[in-house]
Protein backbone atom coordinates (compact mmCIF):
# COMPACT_ATOMS: atom_id res chain seq x y z
CA MET A 1 -16.43 72.36 15.37
CA ALA A 2 -14.82 75.50 16.28
CA ASN A 3 -16.03 78.34 13.49
CA HIS A 4 -13.65 81.26 15.07
CA ALA A 5 -9.88 81.51 15.76
CA SER A 6 -10.61 82.27 19.38
CA ALA A 7 -12.73 78.95 19.92
CA GLU A 8 -9.87 77.12 17.93
CA LYS A 9 -7.52 78.39 20.48
CA ARG A 10 -9.39 77.78 23.44
CA LEU A 11 -9.82 74.31 22.19
CA ARG A 12 -6.12 73.91 21.80
CA GLN A 13 -5.76 75.52 25.68
CA SER A 14 -8.46 72.99 27.08
CA GLU A 15 -6.79 69.98 25.32
CA ARG A 16 -3.32 70.90 26.97
CA ARG A 17 -4.87 71.77 30.15
CA ARG A 18 -6.82 68.43 30.26
CA LEU A 19 -3.78 66.43 29.56
CA HIS A 20 -1.87 68.12 32.33
CA ASN A 21 -4.47 67.93 34.81
CA LYS A 22 -4.92 64.13 34.02
CA TYR A 23 -1.33 63.54 34.40
CA TYR A 24 -1.14 65.11 37.77
CA ALA A 25 -4.44 63.49 38.81
CA LYS A 26 -3.34 59.91 37.95
CA THR A 27 0.33 60.36 39.52
CA THR A 28 -1.55 61.13 42.63
CA ARG A 29 -3.94 58.23 42.52
CA ASN A 30 -0.93 55.90 41.99
CA ALA A 31 0.82 57.50 45.12
CA ILE A 32 -2.07 57.25 47.13
CA ARG A 33 -2.82 53.64 45.99
CA ALA A 34 0.89 52.93 46.73
CA LEU A 35 0.58 54.30 50.55
CA ARG A 36 -2.80 52.38 50.83
CA ASN A 37 -0.94 49.16 49.85
CA THR A 38 1.96 49.69 52.57
CA THR A 39 1.95 47.33 55.28
CA ASP A 40 4.74 49.12 57.21
CA LYS A 41 3.80 52.13 59.66
CA ALA A 42 7.29 53.73 59.15
CA ALA A 43 7.30 53.69 55.48
CA ALA A 44 3.82 54.88 55.50
CA THR A 45 4.56 57.73 57.73
CA GLU A 46 7.81 58.75 56.00
CA ALA A 47 5.78 58.73 52.49
CA ALA A 48 2.47 60.27 53.89
CA PRO A 49 3.76 64.17 53.56
CA LYS A 50 4.59 63.96 50.16
CA VAL A 51 1.55 62.48 49.16
CA TYR A 52 -0.43 65.30 51.10
CA ALA A 53 1.43 67.76 49.22
CA MET A 54 0.56 66.12 46.07
CA ILE A 55 -3.18 66.31 47.10
CA ASP A 56 -2.68 69.82 47.98
CA LYS A 57 -1.36 70.88 44.63
CA LEU A 58 -4.38 69.22 42.94
CA VAL A 59 -6.85 71.71 44.95
CA LYS A 60 -4.12 74.59 44.09
CA ILE A 61 -4.39 74.03 40.61
CA GLY A 62 -8.20 73.18 40.58
CA VAL A 63 -8.29 69.70 39.75
CA ILE A 64 -10.04 68.17 42.66
CA HIS A 65 -12.07 70.40 45.40
CA LYS A 66 -10.77 71.24 48.81
CA ASN A 67 -13.28 69.21 50.55
CA LYS A 68 -12.28 65.73 48.44
CA ALA A 69 -8.55 66.67 49.39
CA SER A 70 -9.40 66.75 53.03
CA ASN A 71 -11.25 63.57 52.95
CA LEU A 72 -8.61 61.45 50.98
CA LYS A 73 -5.95 63.10 53.61
CA SER A 74 -8.18 62.20 56.58
CA GLY A 75 -8.66 58.55 55.15
CA LEU A 76 -4.88 58.09 54.69
CA ALA A 77 -4.10 59.48 58.34
CA VAL A 78 -6.96 56.74 59.70
CA TYR A 79 -5.25 53.96 57.57
CA ILE A 80 -1.41 55.16 58.81
CA ASN A 81 -2.73 55.18 62.40
CA LYS A 82 -4.25 51.60 62.11
CA LEU A 83 -1.16 50.20 61.14
CA SER A 84 1.11 48.53 63.76
């Protein structure tokens, strides 16, 4: 357990940030899952920019690595292009 005031503050901050990051990561994962479950190409093409923006925001706030984001966006693009 924390023995100093600064360590207690650090615990509070990291918990608050963890919950914040968890919320955005889970929301993005749900959006990716919804896009991958779409069978209509028009709907998928329309939703893609919003999901890409969510992924980019995760990179910007440091939740995921930029290479992982690139892999996710590439996989989604491949999936959308395969739809007919």
